[in-house]
Amino acid sequence: MKKIVISSLMLFGLLVLNSCTDLTENVLDESSVTGLTDRQAADGNLAPVYARLPDLFTHTNYFAVQEISTDEAILPYRGGTDWGDNGIYLALHQHLPTSTDPNLRNTWLILAQGISRSITALNTLPTINDSNTKVYLAEARGMRAYYNMMLLDLFGLVFKKDDPQATSEILRGEQALEYVKSELLAAEPDLLTTVGPGRLTKGGAWGLLARLYLNAAVYRDPYAAQFAFKTEDMDKVIEYTDKIISSGQYQLAPDYFSVFNADNHTNKELIFAVDQRAELNGHNRLAYFSLSGDQFPLPAFTGANGTDGPAITPDFYRTWVNAYAPQDPAGIDPRFYRKNLNIPADSCMTAGSVVMDRGILRGQQYGLLRVNGAFVRCGSNYRVGRLVHITRNRPTLPVNFTEQIDFSVAGSNYNTGYRVLKYEFSPKSQSGRNLGDVDIPIVRLADVYLMRAEAKLRKSSDAAGALADVNAVRASRTASTPAPALTSMNLDLLFRERGFELYWECQRRTDMIRFGKYEGTWTEKTNADRQKRLFPIPQTAIDGASNLPGYLTQNASY
């Protein structure tokens, strides 16, 4: 299936675009006018269901709200003014966001549009005589459930709607949970096993169901002082993770960072992912977001660099250090860091040898030297050396990443904070802001093993079974020396292990809430209000629904 096919089969009502609450839209069947075949019409209805996933997972939407609100990532002002953005990233990190936060507004908008487009597909596809219709209907229904599941996780509600002209019913708590569950279960039988990872498959639905059941206690009562994890929910987590693991369709990748390479679309660890292949105009910016503005990864493109955005917090870094002390985690856990750039004595390298290190980047950085917009050459090769902040007009400030980072003037300098290059910088990107062609994992096999481990612990304190699952993931990374096997397992260790395996993958906030860690203290964050587990509903959405009194009410504490 093409990612964006020539579909003009729907127009969105103003309420959808402005508030994303009523989800009203006009459906126009133009196949007889445009001369589309039935297959093209079917494709053209399904493609929009997936089309905005790349926008959802961009660096300043879902990534920001899921990572910068946690102990894993922090984004201060840089150099006094850069990334100021009226303090929205400071507020996210301190659990003080407002209903006018643009990242929350955009995330809400994209999710609501995903639901709206799914409804359009569900109503139009039955009118098309094509053999794929049954599968496409299942995908559209499953994707509607997925978008609602994300709304439930972020904002505590879902929109239930089948008729495009009707007003959505808003569900919360148990009702919302049961609705999402029923939709995924209804979609699963007709999903395929062979079209992933960029489309929803049976494996993807199983993974989403496992995640839904794992978080069911939170979704039933998001402000609870202590979550009540039901045995029957954990049984379902184990059931669906068992289905994925026993299917034999997926494999843990021996090379951890290959899961996040630019060519990862065929990586067998991916179960469900955002399709970002360059030929489909992939554009995620997760690689360039954290890098320095003076890190230029590609000899072919002098304009492709980082943006000095978020860093990991000292608190998160210390979880690695404490786990492996007195050894350096870089030498013992292949998920933490991989050295790729080996600088020769003469500091001249071929273009093919300039490959950035991956993982968590610390200390003095080396790379392509750039003067007056051009890379320094030595014959046909490239000069590589110690980097300084030339692009920031601070030529005496080394690109020497420090552990400490905070919201002070000193802590917000361009060099503060250890950076993350987990997703490979696309070799086709001319700017770092385009062609980010790494498929972004939504569900992958390592997470499935860790979900099963957690369910075993929460169900019956099966520490041995949980330990076996965790160690299976650790032992699988055999491209280098794998991390040593753990000898014991409990919930705190499992939370730590999820951080090691899944950092920078938009899961940290959800994990922290479920493990009871979200009200903790880290870097600049001291807010312990349980009501901040949910984000404020965007004011534009509430204003857009103001003609329906009492229809859309703001979440508590906002």
Protein backbone atom coordinates (compact mmCIF):
# COMPACT_ATOMS: atom_id res chain seq x y z
CA MET A 1 0.00 0.00 0.00
CA LYS A 2 1.25 3.47 -0.81
CA LYS A 3 1.54 5.71 2.18
CA ILE A 4 -0.12 8.71 0.56
CA VAL A 5 -2.36 7.71 -2.31
CA ILE A 6 -4.34 10.16 -4.49
CA SER A 7 -7.30 10.28 -2.17
CA SER A 8 -9.60 13.28 -2.13
CA LEU A 9 -12.49 11.24 -0.80
CA MET A 10 -13.13 13.36 2.25
CA LEU A 11 -13.37 16.97 3.34
CA PHE A 12 -13.02 17.83 7.00
CA GLY A 13 -15.56 20.06 8.69
CA LEU A 14 -14.30 23.16 10.44
CA LEU A 15 -15.07 21.71 13.83
CA VAL A 16 -12.79 18.76 13.11
CA LEU A 17 -9.91 20.95 12.05
CA ASN A 18 -10.27 23.54 14.77
CA SER A 19 -11.34 21.58 17.82
CA CYS A 20 -11.20 17.90 16.88
CA THR A 21 -14.12 17.17 19.11
CA ASP A 22 -17.28 16.60 17.07
CA LEU A 23 -15.33 14.79 14.33
CA THR A 24 -17.85 15.87 11.69
CA GLU A 25 -16.87 15.41 8.06
CA ASN A 26 -18.43 15.28 4.62
CA VAL A 27 -17.71 12.11 2.69
CA LEU A 28 -17.47 12.53 -1.08
CA ASP A 29 -17.34 9.41 -3.23
CA GLU A 30 -15.52 10.72 -6.28
CA SER A 31 -14.48 7.44 -7.87
CA SER A 32 -16.95 7.81 -10.76
CA VAL A 33 -15.69 11.32 -11.46
CA THR A 34 -11.98 10.72 -11.19
CA GLY A 35 -11.98 7.37 -12.92
CA LEU A 36 -10.36 5.53 -10.02
CA THR A 37 -10.41 1.77 -10.08
CA ASP A 38 -11.97 -0.02 -7.13
CA ARG A 39 -8.49 -0.91 -5.87
CA GLN A 40 -7.36 2.72 -6.09
CA ALA A 41 -10.50 3.87 -4.32
CA ALA A 42 -9.96 1.33 -1.55
CA ASP A 43 -6.30 2.30 -1.18
CA GLY A 44 -7.29 5.93 -1.25
CA ASN A 45 -9.60 5.46 1.71
CA LEU A 46 -7.15 3.52 3.85
CA ALA A 47 -4.06 5.64 3.19
CA PRO A 48 -5.33 8.72 5.09
CA VAL A 49 -5.91 6.54 8.15
CA TYR A 50 -2.14 6.13 8.48
CA ALA A 51 -1.02 9.35 6.81
CA ARG A 52 -0.56 11.51 9.90
CA LEU A 53 1.30 8.97 12.01
CA PRO A 54 4.66 10.56 11.00
CA ASP A 55 3.36 13.95 12.14
CA LEU A 56 2.16 12.47 15.42
CA PHE A 57 5.59 11.01 16.15
CA THR A 58 7.53 14.09 15.25
CA HIS A 59 9.94 15.47 17.84
CA THR A 60 7.72 18.27 19.14
CA ASN A 61 4.45 16.38 19.39
CA TYR A 62 4.11 12.93 20.92
CA PHE A 63 7.83 12.57 21.64
CA ALA A 64 7.87 15.81 23.61
CA VAL A 65 4.85 15.03 25.76
CA GLN A 66 5.93 11.45 26.45
CA GLU A 67 9.64 12.06 27.08
CA ILE A 68 10.25 15.64 28.21
CA SER A 69 7.58 15.25 30.91
CA THR A 70 9.67 12.49 32.51
CA ASP A 71 12.96 11.78 34.26
CA GLU A 72 14.45 10.72 30.93
CA ALA A 73 14.64 13.95 28.91
CA ILE A 74 14.99 17.65 29.61
CA LEU A 75 14.94 20.60 27.21
CA PRO A 76 16.06 23.89 28.76
CA TYR A 77 16.63 27.21 27.07
CA ARG A 78 19.80 26.88 25.01
CA GLY A 79 22.23 29.75 25.13
CA GLY A 80 19.67 31.92 26.86
CA THR A 81 17.04 32.09 24.11
CA ASP A 82 17.05 29.03 21.83
CA TRP A 83 14.24 26.54 22.49
CA GLY A 84 12.55 29.06 24.76
CA ASP A 85 9.18 28.68 23.07
CA ASN A 86 7.44 30.61 25.85
CA GLY A 87 8.55 28.08 28.43
CA ILE A 88 6.47 25.15 27.16
CA TYR A 89 9.28 22.60 27.52
CA LEU A 90 10.13 23.81 30.99
CA ALA A 91 6.48 23.50 31.95
CA LEU A 92 6.20 20.01 30.49
CA HIS A 93 9.20 18.85 32.46
CA GLN A 94 7.94 20.42 35.69
CA HIS A 95 4.41 19.00 35.22
CA LEU A 96 3.00 22.48 34.80
CA PRO A 97 1.64 22.47 31.23
CA THR A 98 -1.36 24.58 30.32
CA SER A 99 -4.29 24.01 28.00
CA THR A 100 -2.66 26.30 25.43
CA ASP A 101 0.49 24.18 25.06
CA PRO A 102 0.98 23.83 21.27
CA ASN A 103 2.56 20.37 21.52
CA LEU A 104 -0.48 19.06 23.36
CA ARG A 105 -2.81 20.85 20.96
CA ASN A 106 -1.09 19.39 17.91
CA THR A 107 -1.01 15.90 19.41
CA TRP A 108 -4.73 16.10 20.19
CA LEU A 109 -5.48 17.41 16.72
CA ILE A 110 -3.60 14.63 14.94
CA LEU A 111 -5.17 11.92 17.08
CA ALA A 112 -8.66 13.30 16.48
CA GLN A 113 -8.00 13.54 12.76
CA GLY A 114 -6.81 9.94 12.80
CA ILE A 115 -10.11 8.92 14.39
CA SER A 116 -12.05 11.01 11.89
CA ARG A 117 -10.24 9.53 8.91
CA SER A 118 -10.76 6.04 10.28
CA ILE A 119 -14.50 6.70 10.54
CA THR A 120 -14.52 7.96 6.97
CA ALA A 121 -12.82 4.77 5.79
CA LEU A 122 -15.18 2.57 7.80
CA ASN A 123 -18.18 4.22 6.16
CA THR A 124 -16.85 4.39 2.61
CA LEU A 125 -14.98 1.11 2.16
CA PRO A 126 -18.15 -1.06 2.28
CA THR A 127 -19.35 0.72 -0.87
CA ILE A 128 -16.24 -0.32 -2.84
CA ASN A 129 -16.12 -3.65 -4.63
CA ASP A 130 -12.54 -4.70 -3.97
CA SER A 131 -11.08 -7.88 -2.50
CA ASN A 132 -9.01 -5.91 0.04
CA THR A 133 -12.04 -4.20 1.57
CA LYS A 134 -12.47 -6.65 4.45
CA VAL A 135 -8.84 -6.30 5.52
CA TYR A 136 -8.88 -2.54 5.08
CA LEU A 137 -11.98 -2.25 7.24
CA ALA A 138 -10.21 -4.20 9.99
CA GLU A 139 -7.18 -1.93 9.74
CA ALA A 140 -9.30 1.21 9.88
CA ARG A 141 -11.18 -0.11 12.91
CA GLY A 142 -7.96 -1.13 14.63
CA MET A 143 -6.37 2.24 13.92
CA ARG A 144 -9.41 4.06 15.30
CA ALA A 145 -8.91 2.03 18.46
CA TYR A 146 -5.21 2.85 18.52
CA TYR A 147 -5.77 6.60 18.22
CA ASN A 148 -8.41 6.42 20.95
CA MET A 149 -6.04 4.40 23.11
CA MET A 150 -3.50 7.22 22.85
CA LEU A 151 -6.14 9.80 23.75
CA LEU A 152 -7.07 7.69 26.76
CA ASP A 153 -3.45 7.46 27.85
CA LEU A 154 -2.72 11.18 27.42
CA PHE A 155 -6.03 12.89 28.18
CA GLY A 156 -8.18 10.26 29.91
CA LEU A 157 -10.98 9.98 27.35
CA VAL A 158 -12.00 8.42 24.05
CA PHE A 159 -14.45 9.38 21.29
CA LYS A 160 -17.02 6.72 20.36
CA LYS A 161 -18.54 7.32 16.98
CA ASP A 162 -19.61 5.33 13.91
CA ASP A 163 -21.80 7.70 11.91
CA PRO A 164 -19.73 10.53 10.36
CA GLN A 165 -22.61 12.95 10.85
CA ALA A 166 -23.23 12.11 14.49
CA THR A 167 -21.75 13.74 17.57
CA SER A 168 -19.13 11.61 19.26
CA GLU A 169 -19.90 10.07 22.61
CA ILE A 170 -17.17 10.79 25.14
CA LEU A 171 -16.16 7.87 27.35
CA ARG A 172 -13.82 7.83 30.33
CA GLY A 173 -12.51 5.26 32.79
CA GLU A 174 -13.86 1.72 32.59
CA GLN A 175 -16.19 2.52 29.69
CA ALA A 176 -13.35 3.96 27.64
CA LEU A 177 -11.12 0.98 28.38
CA GLU A 178 -13.81 -1.52 27.39
CA TYR A 179 -14.57 0.37 24.17
CA VAL A 180 -10.96 0.37 22.98
CA LYS A 181 -10.61 -3.27 23.95
CA SER A 182 -13.74 -4.28 22.07
CA GLU A 183 -12.63 -2.43 18.93
CA LEU A 184 -9.21 -4.09 18.84
CA LEU A 185 -10.80 -7.49 19.43
CA ALA A 186 -13.29 -6.88 16.63
CA ALA A 187 -10.55 -5.85 14.20
CA GLU A 188 -8.04 -8.60 14.98
CA PRO A 189 -9.64 -11.60 13.18
CA ASP A 190 -9.52 -9.94 9.74
CA LEU A 191 -6.04 -8.41 10.02
CA LEU A 192 -3.21 -9.91 7.99
CA THR A 193 0.16 -11.18 9.19
CA THR A 194 2.16 -10.17 6.12
CA VAL A 195 1.86 -6.41 5.60
CA GLY A 196 3.79 -4.97 8.55
CA PRO A 197 5.37 -3.17 10.12
CA GLY A 198 3.92 0.01 8.60
CA ARG A 199 0.36 -1.31 8.67
CA LEU A 200 -1.58 -2.83 11.53
CA THR A 201 -1.31 -6.63 11.53
CA LYS A 202 -2.48 -9.35 13.88
CA GLY A 203 0.83 -9.08 15.70
CA GLY A 204 0.38 -5.33 16.04
CA ALA A 205 -3.13 -5.77 17.42
CA TRP A 206 -1.88 -8.38 19.90
CA GLY A 207 0.84 -5.99 21.03
CA LEU A 208 -1.63 -3.13 21.49
CA LEU A 209 -4.00 -5.40 23.41
CA ALA A 210 -1.17 -6.51 25.69
CA ARG A 211 -0.27 -2.86 26.33
CA LEU A 212 -3.91 -1.97 26.94
CA TYR A 213 -4.38 -4.74 29.50
CA LEU A 214 -1.06 -3.89 31.17
CA ASN A 215 -2.22 -0.30 31.69
CA ALA A 216 -5.84 -1.17 32.41
CA ALA A 217 -5.56 -0.30 36.10
CA VAL A 218 -4.32 3.17 35.21
CA TYR A 219 -6.99 3.75 32.60
CA ARG A 220 -9.77 2.72 34.99
CA ASP A 221 -8.63 5.14 37.68
CA PRO A 222 -5.82 7.43 36.49
CA TYR A 223 -5.56 9.37 39.76
CA ALA A 224 -5.48 6.37 42.10
CA ALA A 225 -3.11 6.48 45.05
CA GLN A 226 -2.29 2.85 44.25
CA PHE A 227 -3.26 1.00 41.12
CA ALA A 228 -5.24 -2.24 41.36
CA PHE A 229 -3.72 -4.61 38.80
CA LYS A 230 -6.19 -7.41 38.18
CA THR A 231 -5.05 -10.99 37.72
CA GLU A 232 -7.34 -11.41 34.73
CA ASP A 233 -5.74 -8.40 33.04
CA MET A 234 -2.27 -9.81 33.57
CA ASP A 235 -3.46 -13.16 32.19
CA LYS A 236 -4.47 -11.34 29.02
CA VAL A 237 -1.09 -9.61 28.78
CA ILE A 238 0.58 -13.01 28.97
CA GLU A 239 -1.88 -14.48 26.45
CA TYR A 240 -1.21 -11.84 23.80
CA THR A 241 2.52 -11.62 24.34
CA ASP A 242 2.66 -15.42 24.12
CA LYS A 243 0.87 -15.21 20.76
CA ILE A 244 3.48 -12.83 19.39
CA ILE A 245 6.49 -14.71 20.74
CA SER A 246 5.24 -18.14 19.74
CA SER A 247 4.25 -17.00 16.25
CA GLY A 248 7.89 -17.20 15.18
CA GLN A 249 7.32 -14.22 12.90
CA TYR A 250 9.48 -11.81 14.89
CA GLN A 251 13.06 -11.95 16.11
CA LEU A 252 15.15 -10.01 18.60
CA ALA A 253 17.87 -8.22 16.65
CA PRO A 254 21.46 -9.22 17.49
CA ASP A 255 22.53 -5.62 16.83
CA TYR A 256 20.52 -3.34 19.13
CA PHE A 257 21.05 -0.18 17.11
CA SER A 258 20.04 -1.89 13.87
CA VAL A 259 16.49 -1.68 15.17
CA PHE A 260 16.82 2.10 14.71
CA ASN A 261 18.83 2.23 11.49
CA ALA A 262 17.63 4.06 8.42
CA ASP A 263 17.01 0.73 6.68
CA ASN A 264 15.08 -0.84 9.57
CA HIS A 265 11.81 -1.34 7.68
CA THR A 266 12.61 -5.04 7.25
CA ASN A 267 14.03 -5.53 10.73
CA LYS A 268 12.25 -8.54 12.21
CA GLU A 269 12.08 -7.03 15.68
CA LEU A 270 9.53 -4.47 14.50
CA ILE A 271 5.91 -5.53 14.91
CA PHE A 272 4.12 -2.22 14.35
CA ALA A 273 5.89 0.98 13.38
CA VAL A 274 5.52 4.38 11.77
CA ASP A 275 6.55 3.85 8.15
CA GLN A 276 9.18 6.50 7.47
CA ARG A 277 10.93 5.16 4.39
CA ALA A 278 12.53 7.90 2.32
CA GLU A 279 10.60 6.96 -0.80
CA LEU A 280 7.48 7.77 1.23
CA ASN A 281 8.92 11.14 2.25
CA GLY A 282 9.84 10.10 5.76
CA HIS A 283 10.62 13.13 7.86
CA ASN A 284 11.05 12.29 11.52
CA ARG A 285 13.57 14.49 13.29
CA LEU A 286 14.40 12.28 16.24
CA ALA A 287 18.03 11.94 15.12
CA TYR A 288 18.83 15.61 14.73
CA PHE A 289 16.77 16.81 17.72
CA SER A 290 19.34 16.09 20.44
CA LEU A 291 22.60 16.61 18.52
CA SER A 292 24.75 19.71 18.66
CA GLY A 293 24.39 22.32 15.95
CA ASP A 294 28.05 21.67 15.25
CA GLN A 295 27.67 17.96 14.68
CA PHE A 296 27.45 17.35 10.93
CA PRO A 297 27.02 13.61 10.33
CA LEU A 298 27.06 13.54 6.51
CA PRO A 299 29.99 14.51 4.27
CA ALA A 300 27.53 14.79 1.37
CA PHE A 301 25.47 17.52 3.00
CA THR A 302 26.99 20.59 4.63
CA GLY A 303 23.64 21.73 5.97
CA ALA A 304 22.70 18.57 7.83
CA ASN A 305 23.34 19.09 11.55
CA GLY A 306 21.77 18.91 14.97
CA THR A 307 19.64 21.45 16.76
CA ASP A 308 20.90 21.37 20.38
CA GLY A 309 17.59 20.21 21.74
CA PRO A 310 16.91 17.80 24.62
CA ALA A 311 19.43 15.86 26.65
CA ILE A 312 18.98 13.00 29.07
CA THR A 313 18.68 14.00 32.70
CA PRO A 314 21.50 13.29 35.15
CA ASP A 315 18.95 11.22 37.07
CA PHE A 316 18.36 8.86 34.14
CA TYR A 317 22.07 8.69 33.36
CA ARG A 318 22.79 7.70 36.95
CA THR A 319 20.48 4.68 36.67
CA TRP A 320 22.97 3.29 34.13
CA VAL A 321 25.99 4.21 36.24
CA ASN A 322 24.54 2.73 39.41
CA ALA A 323 23.53 -0.47 37.64
CA TYR A 324 27.04 -1.22 36.40
CA ALA A 325 29.34 0.51 38.89
CA PRO A 326 32.29 0.50 39.07
CA GLN A 327 32.35 -0.32 35.35
CA ASP A 328 31.44 2.19 32.65
CA PRO A 329 28.06 1.22 31.13
CA ALA A 330 29.52 1.95 27.68
CA GLY A 331 31.75 -1.06 28.04
CA ILE A 332 29.21 -3.48 29.39
CA ASP A 333 25.75 -2.78 27.95
CA PRO A 334 25.55 -2.53 24.12
CA ARG A 335 22.33 -0.53 24.35
CA PHE A 336 24.04 2.39 26.06
CA TYR A 337 26.62 3.31 23.45
CA ARG A 338 28.34 2.11 20.32
CA LYS A 339 31.54 3.70 19.08
CA ASN A 340 31.64 4.07 15.29
CA LEU A 341 33.94 7.02 14.66
CA ASN A 342 37.55 5.96 15.08
CA ILE A 343 39.76 8.97 14.40
CA PRO A 344 43.12 8.16 12.80
CA ALA A 345 46.34 9.85 13.79
CA ASP A 346 46.29 12.22 10.82
CA SER A 347 42.59 13.04 11.38
CA CYS A 348 41.77 12.58 7.71
CA MET A 349 39.02 10.13 6.80
CA THR A 350 37.22 8.91 3.74
CA ALA A 351 33.58 9.89 3.43
CA GLY A 352 32.51 6.31 4.08
CA SER A 353 34.45 6.22 7.35
CA VAL A 354 32.58 9.18 8.84
CA VAL A 355 29.92 7.36 10.86
CA MET A 356 28.60 8.88 14.06
CA ASP A 357 28.65 7.09 17.38
CA ARG A 358 25.25 5.91 18.59
CA GLY A 359 23.44 5.85 21.89
CA ILE A 360 24.25 8.21 24.73
CA LEU A 361 26.97 10.69 23.73
CA ARG A 362 29.20 12.04 26.49
CA GLY A 363 32.20 14.35 26.73
CA GLN A 364 34.19 15.90 23.93
CA GLN A 365 32.69 15.24 20.51
CA TYR A 366 34.62 14.73 17.30
CA GLY A 367 33.42 15.02 13.75
CA LEU A 368 33.62 16.80 10.44
CA LEU A 369 35.23 20.22 10.70
CA ARG A 370 33.29 22.94 8.90
CA VAL A 371 34.54 26.42 8.03
CA ASN A 372 32.48 29.07 6.24
CA GLY A 373 29.84 26.55 5.32
CA ALA A 374 32.22 23.97 3.80
CA PHE A 375 33.85 20.89 5.22
CA VAL A 376 37.61 21.02 5.56
CA ARG A 377 39.23 18.66 3.06
CA CYS A 378 42.57 16.94 2.98
CA GLY A 379 42.90 15.86 -0.60
CA SER A 380 39.94 13.65 -1.41
CA ASN A 381 39.32 12.96 2.27
CA TYR A 382 37.73 14.94 5.09
CA ARG A 383 39.35 16.57 8.12
CA VAL A 384 37.91 15.29 11.39
CA GLY A 385 38.68 16.73 14.81
CA ARG A 386 37.50 18.22 18.09
CA LEU A 387 34.30 20.18 17.63
CA VAL A 388 33.54 23.64 18.98
CA HIS A 389 30.34 25.68 18.84
CA ILE A 390 31.13 27.70 15.73
CA THR A 391 27.56 27.73 14.46
CA ARG A 392 26.49 29.24 17.78
CA ASN A 393 29.13 31.98 17.51
CA ARG A 394 30.96 30.48 20.48
CA PRO A 395 34.20 29.25 18.92
CA THR A 396 35.90 28.86 22.31
CA LEU A 397 33.16 26.61 23.72
CA PRO A 398 33.94 22.94 23.00
CA VAL A 399 31.19 20.54 22.02
CA ASN A 400 31.91 18.75 25.25
CA PHE A 401 28.70 17.30 26.62
CA THR A 402 28.46 17.43 30.40
CA GLU A 403 26.35 15.35 32.73
CA GLN A 404 24.82 18.30 34.51
CA ILE A 405 21.92 20.10 32.90
CA ASP A 406 19.18 22.21 34.42
CA PHE A 407 17.15 25.36 33.87
CA SER A 408 19.83 27.74 35.18
CA VAL A 409 21.81 29.95 32.79
CA ALA A 410 24.88 27.77 33.18
CA GLY A 411 22.89 24.57 32.92
CA SER A 412 21.24 25.73 29.72
CA ASN A 413 24.41 26.35 27.75
CA TYR A 414 24.81 24.64 24.40
CA ASN A 415 27.16 21.96 25.69
CA THR A 416 25.20 20.82 28.74
CA GLY A 417 23.59 17.43 29.04
CA TYR A 418 24.50 14.08 27.55
CA ARG A 419 22.84 13.68 24.17
CA VAL A 420 21.09 10.79 22.47
CA LEU A 421 21.61 9.50 18.92
CA LYS A 422 19.50 6.35 19.00
CA TYR A 423 17.80 6.76 15.62
CA GLU A 424 20.30 6.80 12.77
CA PHE A 425 20.78 10.14 11.06
CA SER A 426 19.40 9.50 7.59
CA PRO A 427 22.13 9.32 4.92
CA LYS A 428 19.68 11.02 2.55
CA SER A 429 18.84 14.01 4.74
CA GLN A 430 20.11 17.31 3.42
CA SER A 431 19.18 19.22 6.56
CA GLY A 432 18.39 16.83 9.39
CA ARG A 433 14.87 18.18 9.16
CA ASN A 434 13.92 16.03 6.19
CA LEU A 435 14.03 12.38 5.19
CA GLY A 436 14.33 10.95 8.67
CA ASP A 437 13.69 7.52 7.25
CA VAL A 438 13.96 5.35 10.36
CA ASP A 439 10.69 3.53 10.98
CA ILE A 440 9.70 4.54 14.51
CA PRO A 441 8.77 1.51 16.63
CA ILE A 442 5.30 1.48 18.15
CA VAL A 443 5.45 -2.18 19.20
CA ARG A 444 8.62 -4.26 18.98
CA LEU A 445 9.53 -7.69 20.23
CA ALA A 446 11.79 -6.63 23.10
CA ASP A 447 8.92 -4.62 24.57
CA VAL A 448 6.69 -7.68 24.22
CA TYR A 449 9.10 -9.75 26.33
CA LEU A 450 9.26 -6.99 28.94
CA MET A 451 5.48 -6.64 29.05
CA ARG A 452 5.19 -10.38 29.65
CA ALA A 453 7.80 -10.18 32.39
CA GLU A 454 5.89 -7.40 34.11
CA ALA A 455 2.61 -9.29 33.91
CA LYS A 456 4.25 -12.33 35.50
CA LEU A 457 5.52 -10.21 38.37
CA ARG A 458 2.24 -8.41 38.93
CA LYS A 459 0.10 -11.53 38.62
CA SER A 460 1.84 -13.98 40.90
CA SER A 461 5.25 -12.57 41.79
CA ASP A 462 6.76 -14.97 39.25
CA ALA A 463 10.24 -13.49 39.56
CA ALA A 464 11.88 -16.47 37.88
CA GLY A 465 9.66 -16.23 34.81
CA ALA A 466 10.13 -12.46 34.61
CA LEU A 467 13.89 -12.82 34.99
CA ALA A 468 14.00 -15.31 32.13
CA ASP A 469 12.17 -12.90 29.81
CA VAL A 470 14.39 -9.97 30.72
CA ASN A 471 17.55 -12.00 30.29
CA ALA A 472 16.32 -13.28 26.93
CA VAL A 473 16.30 -9.70 25.69
CA ARG A 474 19.70 -8.89 27.19
CA ALA A 475 21.29 -12.04 25.81
CA SER A 476 19.95 -11.46 22.30
CA ARG A 477 22.27 -8.52 21.48
CA THR A 478 25.12 -10.69 20.30
CA ALA A 479 26.56 -8.41 17.62
CA SER A 480 28.82 -7.28 20.44
CA THR A 481 29.24 -8.65 23.94
CA PRO A 482 25.70 -8.71 25.35
CA ALA A 483 24.85 -7.20 28.71
CA PRO A 484 25.45 -9.70 31.51
CA ALA A 485 22.51 -11.71 32.76
CA LEU A 486 20.71 -10.39 35.79
CA THR A 487 20.43 -12.67 38.81
CA SER A 488 17.22 -11.36 40.36
CA MET A 489 14.10 -9.50 39.33
CA ASN A 490 11.52 -7.25 40.95
CA LEU A 491 9.35 -4.35 39.77
CA ASP A 492 12.01 -1.70 40.41
CA LEU A 493 14.58 -3.66 38.42
CA LEU A 494 12.08 -4.22 35.64
CA PHE A 495 11.30 -0.50 35.50
CA ARG A 496 15.02 0.17 35.23
CA GLU A 497 15.35 -2.43 32.49
CA ARG A 498 12.52 -0.88 30.50
CA GLY A 499 14.41 2.39 30.69
CA PHE A 500 17.58 0.78 29.36
CA GLU A 501 15.81 -0.98 26.51
CA LEU A 502 13.18 1.58 25.49
CA TYR A 503 14.73 4.99 26.14
CA TRP A 504 13.80 7.70 23.63
CA GLU A 505 10.90 5.55 22.32
CA CYS A 506 7.95 7.57 23.68
CA GLN A 507 7.09 5.09 26.44
CA ARG A 508 8.63 6.65 29.53
CA ARG A 509 5.68 8.72 30.80
CA THR A 510 3.27 5.78 30.51
CA ASP A 511 5.77 3.52 32.27
CA MET A 512 6.44 5.99 35.06
CA ILE A 513 2.75 6.38 35.82
CA ARG A 514 2.12 2.62 35.85
CA PHE A 515 5.12 1.97 38.12
CA GLY A 516 4.19 4.78 40.51
CA LYS A 517 7.24 6.90 39.65
CA TYR A 518 5.65 9.90 37.93
CA GLU A 519 5.21 11.90 41.15
CA GLY A 520 8.92 11.62 41.94
CA THR A 521 11.59 14.30 41.92
CA TRP A 522 14.24 14.77 39.23
CA THR A 523 16.29 17.66 37.86
CA GLU A 524 13.91 20.64 37.89
CA LYS A 525 10.76 18.66 38.67
CA THR A 526 9.28 18.49 42.19
CA ASN A 527 5.52 18.51 41.49
CA ALA A 528 3.88 15.49 43.15
CA ASP A 529 0.28 16.19 42.09
CA ARG A 530 -1.31 12.91 40.92
CA GLN A 531 -3.75 14.88 38.78
CA LYS A 532 -0.87 15.82 36.49
CA ARG A 533 -0.79 12.24 35.21
CA LEU A 534 -3.25 13.40 32.57
CA PHE A 535 -2.58 16.41 30.38
CA PRO A 536 -4.97 19.34 29.99
CA ILE A 537 -7.46 19.09 27.15
CA PRO A 538 -6.47 21.80 24.65
CA GLN A 539 -8.48 24.98 25.10
CA THR A 540 -9.18 25.12 21.38
CA ALA A 541 -11.00 21.78 21.66
CA ILE A 542 -13.10 22.98 24.58
CA ASP A 543 -13.87 26.26 22.81
CA GLY A 544 -14.81 24.39 19.64
CA ALA A 545 -17.33 22.29 21.56
CA SER A 546 -18.77 25.25 23.48
CA ASN A 547 -22.05 25.01 21.57
CA LEU A 548 -22.65 21.72 23.38
CA PRO A 549 -22.85 22.68 27.08
CA GLY A 550 -21.13 20.20 29.37
CA TYR A 551 -19.97 18.06 26.46
CA LEU A 552 -16.20 18.42 26.85
CA THR A 553 -14.98 19.27 30.34
CA GLN A 554 -11.43 20.11 31.29
CA ASN A 555 -9.38 17.56 33.23
CA ALA A 556 -8.93 18.12 36.95
CA SER A 557 -6.31 20.65 38.16
CA TYR A 558 -6.21 22.66 34.91
